[in-house]
C-alpha cells in the first residue's frame, strides 16, 4: 500500500461504557487491546484457546472481562459492537474480518491495516481529556512516538481543569442560562492551571465563573 492509497479517516470518540466488544486472540497484542478497551469502560469478551497470565488475571478479577476458551465461531459475533482480532493467523483473521464486516460490525485486525474498518489510536489520557493519534495504519511506531512526545508535553492538570470547566458549565445550564457564546477560552489560562496545580480548586472554579460571566 503506497502513501496515496492510505485511507482518509474520520476521528471519533466512541462511548463504550456497558457495551460488549469482542477480542479474538489471547497473546500479548490481544492483552494490550483488552486493556485499551477497558480504559474506555467497555465490556470485553475474549475468545482464544489460551490467554496470557496477565489476561487470565484480568478475567479472574474483573466482571467486565469474560473469556471463552476455544476457537472463533460465528456466534461469537452475536450482540457485540465492535471486534478486534489478534490471532497472529492471517487466514483466521481474514475470516473474522469478513464475517464481522458482513454484519456491519467495526473491525480492527492487528498489524493488518487492509483488514481494518477502524484503527485503535495511540492515546494520551488526562481523563476526561483524551488525545488520540493515528497514522491511518501507516506506522504504529510513529503513533507511539507522537504519543510519548505529547504525554511528556501535556500538563498533568488537564483532566482537573476539564472537570472544573464541566462543573461550571453545568451550573450555568442548571440556572437556565445559556452556555454558548460565553468567553470560555478566556478562562483557560496559565493562571487557571496554576490554581489547580496548587490544589486551590474552589478558587479555580470561581476564576472560571468570573471569566465567563456575561
Protein backbone atom coordinates (compact mmCIF):
# COMPACT_ATOMS: atom_id res chain seq x y z
CA UNK A 1 0.00 0.00 0.00
CA UNK A 2 1.53 3.30 -1.10
CA UNK A 3 1.00 6.52 0.90
CA UNK A 4 -1.50 7.77 -1.69
CA UNK A 5 -3.59 4.63 -1.14
CA UNK A 6 -3.81 5.05 2.62
CA UNK A 7 -7.41 5.68 3.67
CA UNK A 8 -8.71 9.01 4.84
CA UNK A 9 -10.08 8.60 8.35
CA UNK A 10 -12.71 10.30 10.48
CA UNK A 11 -11.53 10.67 14.10
CA UNK A 12 -14.35 9.86 16.52
CA UNK A 13 -14.68 9.25 20.25
CA UNK A 14 -16.78 6.16 20.94
CA UNK A 15 -18.74 5.78 24.18
CA UNK A 16 -18.37 2.09 25.01
CA UNK A 17 -19.49 2.01 28.63
CA UNK A 18 -21.64 -1.08 29.12
CA UNK A 19 -21.20 -2.20 25.51
CA UNK A 20 -19.57 -5.52 24.66
CA UNK A 21 -16.51 -5.69 22.42
CA UNK A 22 -15.03 -8.94 21.13
CA UNK A 23 -11.29 -9.64 21.18
CA UNK A 24 -10.18 -12.78 19.34
CA UNK A 25 -6.74 -13.87 20.48
CA UNK A 26 -5.07 -14.27 23.83
CA UNK A 27 -1.45 -13.23 23.35
CA UNK A 28 0.45 -10.08 24.26
CA UNK A 29 -1.10 -7.98 21.49
CA UNK A 30 -4.60 -9.12 22.40
CA UNK A 31 -3.90 -8.34 26.05
CA UNK A 32 -2.89 -4.79 25.11
CA UNK A 33 -6.10 -4.41 23.07
CA UNK A 34 -8.20 -5.60 26.01
CA UNK A 35 -6.60 -3.02 28.29
CA UNK A 36 -7.25 -0.30 25.72
CA UNK A 37 -10.94 -1.22 25.56
CA UNK A 38 -11.23 -1.44 29.35
CA UNK A 39 -9.79 2.07 29.62
CA UNK A 40 -12.86 3.17 27.64
CA UNK A 41 -15.18 1.35 30.11
CA UNK A 42 -16.13 -1.30 27.54
CA UNK A 43 -17.18 -4.80 28.45
CA UNK A 44 -14.76 -7.23 26.77
CA UNK A 45 -15.33 -10.81 25.70
CA UNK A 46 -12.18 -12.75 24.76
CA UNK A 47 -12.15 -15.85 22.58
CA UNK A 48 -8.92 -17.86 22.42
CA UNK A 49 -7.70 -21.36 23.31
CA UNK A 50 -5.20 -19.82 25.75
CA UNK A 51 -4.51 -16.39 27.22
CA UNK A 52 -1.52 -14.66 28.77
CA UNK A 53 -1.09 -14.73 32.52
CA UNK A 54 -1.95 -11.02 32.67
CA UNK A 55 -5.14 -11.51 30.68
CA UNK A 56 -6.12 -14.52 32.77
CA UNK A 57 -5.72 -12.38 35.87
CA UNK A 58 -7.98 -9.71 34.39
CA UNK A 59 -10.62 -12.35 33.69
CA UNK A 60 -10.45 -13.65 37.26
CA UNK A 61 -10.52 -10.21 38.88
CA UNK A 62 -12.97 -8.21 36.77
CA UNK A 63 -16.61 -8.72 35.93
CA UNK A 64 -16.30 -6.72 32.71
CA UNK A 65 -13.89 -9.23 31.12
CA UNK A 66 -15.01 -12.71 30.10
CA UNK A 67 -13.18 -15.49 28.28
CA UNK A 68 -14.33 -18.45 26.24
CA UNK A 69 -11.51 -20.96 25.78
CA UNK A 70 -11.75 -22.16 22.20
CA UNK A 71 -11.53 -21.23 18.54
CA UNK A 72 -13.52 -18.39 16.98
CA UNK A 73 -17.11 -19.21 16.00
CA UNK A 74 -19.56 -17.07 14.05
CA UNK A 75 -21.84 -16.94 17.10
CA UNK A 76 -19.11 -15.01 18.94
CA UNK A 77 -20.19 -12.01 16.86
CA UNK A 78 -23.67 -12.01 18.38
CA UNK A 79 -24.51 -8.92 20.46
CA UNK A 80 -21.13 -7.21 20.17
CA UNK A 81 -20.50 -3.64 18.99
CA UNK A 82 -17.00 -3.98 17.57
CA UNK A 83 -14.35 -6.63 17.01
CA UNK A 84 -10.59 -6.75 17.48
CA UNK A 85 -8.74 -9.74 16.08
CA UNK A 86 -5.17 -10.55 17.10
CA UNK A 87 -4.66 -14.26 16.48
CA UNK A 88 -1.36 -13.99 14.55
CA UNK A 89 -3.00 -16.25 11.97
CA UNK A 90 -3.77 -14.33 8.78
CA UNK A 91 -6.32 -16.86 7.49
CA UNK A 92 -8.25 -16.80 10.77
CA UNK A 93 -8.09 -13.01 11.00
CA UNK A 94 -9.31 -12.74 7.41
CA UNK A 95 -12.32 -14.97 8.14
CA UNK A 96 -13.17 -12.97 11.24
CA UNK A 97 -12.90 -9.69 9.35
CA UNK A 98 -15.10 -10.91 6.51
CA UNK A 99 -17.74 -12.33 8.85
CA UNK A 100 -17.84 -9.24 11.09
CA UNK A 101 -17.84 -6.79 8.18
CA UNK A 102 -20.74 -8.67 6.59
CA UNK A 103 -22.73 -7.99 9.76
CA UNK A 104 -21.85 -4.31 9.68
CA UNK A 105 -19.55 -4.55 12.71
CA UNK A 106 -16.46 -2.38 13.04
CA UNK A 107 -13.28 -4.47 12.90
CA UNK A 108 -9.66 -3.90 13.82
CA UNK A 109 -7.18 -6.52 12.62
CA UNK A 110 -3.87 -6.23 14.45
CA UNK A 111 -0.95 -5.44 12.14
CA UNK A 112 -3.18 -5.73 9.06
CA UNK A 113 -4.41 -2.25 8.02
CA UNK A 114 -6.13 -3.54 4.88
CA UNK A 115 -8.49 -5.57 7.07
CA UNK A 116 -9.46 -2.74 9.38
CA UNK A 117 -12.65 -0.73 9.29
CA UNK A 118 -11.34 1.24 12.27
CA UNK A 119 -7.95 1.86 13.85
CA UNK A 120 -7.17 1.88 17.53
CA UNK A 121 -5.34 5.13 18.19
CA UNK A 122 -2.37 5.98 20.31
CA UNK A 123 -3.82 7.87 23.26
CA UNK A 124 -2.67 10.32 25.89
CA UNK A 125 -5.09 10.30 28.80
CA UNK A 126 -5.80 13.04 31.26
CA UNK A 127 -9.33 11.83 31.86
CA UNK A 128 -11.75 13.13 30.78
CA UNK A 129 -9.35 14.66 28.25
CA UNK A 130 -8.17 12.09 25.72
CA UNK A 131 -5.81 12.99 22.87
CA UNK A 132 -5.82 10.40 20.09
CA UNK A 133 -3.15 9.88 17.43
CA UNK A 134 -3.50 7.84 14.26
CA UNK A 135 -1.41 7.37 11.14
CA UNK A 136 -4.27 5.55 9.35
CA UNK A 137 -2.36 2.30 9.69
CA UNK A 138 0.80 3.66 8.04
CA UNK A 139 3.09 3.41 11.06
CA UNK A 140 2.13 2.29 14.59
CA UNK A 141 5.71 3.18 15.61
CA UNK A 142 5.15 6.81 14.61
CA UNK A 143 1.86 6.91 16.50
CA UNK A 144 3.70 5.59 19.57
CA UNK A 145 6.47 8.19 19.10
CA UNK A 146 3.91 11.02 18.93
CA UNK A 147 2.04 9.66 21.95
CA UNK A 148 5.22 9.68 24.04
CA UNK A 149 6.07 13.22 22.92
CA UNK A 150 2.60 14.51 23.76
CA UNK A 151 2.48 12.62 27.06
CA UNK A 152 5.66 14.37 28.16
CA UNK A 153 4.40 17.77 26.98
CA UNK A 154 0.77 17.99 28.12
CA UNK A 155 0.05 19.23 31.64
CA UNK A 156 -0.85 16.72 34.33
CA UNK A 157 -3.67 19.06 35.42
CA UNK A 158 -5.59 18.89 32.14
CA UNK A 159 -8.19 16.46 33.47
CA UNK A 160 -8.89 18.50 36.61
CA UNK A 161 -9.18 21.68 34.56
CA UNK A 162 -11.63 19.99 32.19
CA UNK A 163 -13.77 18.80 35.12
CA UNK A 164 -13.88 22.32 36.59
CA UNK A 165 -14.99 23.74 33.23
CA UNK A 166 -17.62 21.00 33.05
CA UNK A 167 -18.88 21.77 36.58
CA UNK A 168 -19.22 25.48 35.87
CA UNK A 169 -20.95 24.80 32.55
CA UNK A 170 -23.46 22.52 34.32
CA UNK A 171 -24.12 25.20 36.94
CA UNK A 172 -24.89 27.71 34.19
CA UNK A 173 -27.20 25.30 32.39
CA UNK A 174 -28.96 24.35 35.64
CA UNK A 175 -29.71 28.04 36.20
CA UNK A 176 -31.38 28.13 32.77
CA UNK A 177 -28.65 30.38 31.47
CA UNK A 178 -27.11 29.62 28.09
CA UNK A 179 -23.52 28.43 27.99
CA UNK A 180 -22.99 29.21 24.31
CA UNK A 181 -21.35 32.47 23.35
CA UNK A 182 -19.53 32.86 26.65
CA UNK A 183 -15.76 33.53 26.54
CA UNK A 184 -14.70 30.06 27.70
CA UNK A 185 -11.31 30.37 26.02
CA UNK A 186 -10.56 33.41 28.18
CA UNK A 187 -10.87 31.20 31.27
CA UNK A 188 -8.34 28.60 30.11
CA UNK A 189 -5.14 30.34 31.11
CA UNK A 190 -1.85 29.66 32.86
CA UNK A 191 -3.38 31.24 35.97
CA UNK A 192 -6.18 28.65 35.99
CA UNK A 193 -3.69 25.82 35.65
CA UNK A 194 -1.60 27.28 38.47
CA UNK A 195 -4.62 27.36 40.79
CA UNK A 196 -5.37 23.71 40.02
CA UNK A 197 -1.73 22.73 40.37
CA UNK A 198 -1.70 24.30 43.86
CA UNK A 199 -4.84 22.40 44.85
CA UNK A 200 -6.98 25.56 45.03
CA UNK A 201 -9.92 24.01 43.23
CA UNK A 202 -12.62 26.26 44.71
CA UNK A 203 -10.59 29.32 43.69
CA UNK A 204 -10.20 27.79 40.23
CA UNK A 205 -13.97 27.38 39.89
CA UNK A 206 -14.52 30.98 40.98
CA UNK A 207 -11.88 32.11 38.50
CA UNK A 208 -13.75 30.37 35.67
CA UNK A 209 -17.11 31.75 36.79
CA UNK A 210 -15.74 35.29 36.80
CA UNK A 211 -14.17 34.92 33.36
CA UNK A 212 -17.25 33.53 31.64
CA UNK A 213 -19.82 35.75 33.32
CA UNK A 214 -21.93 37.78 30.85
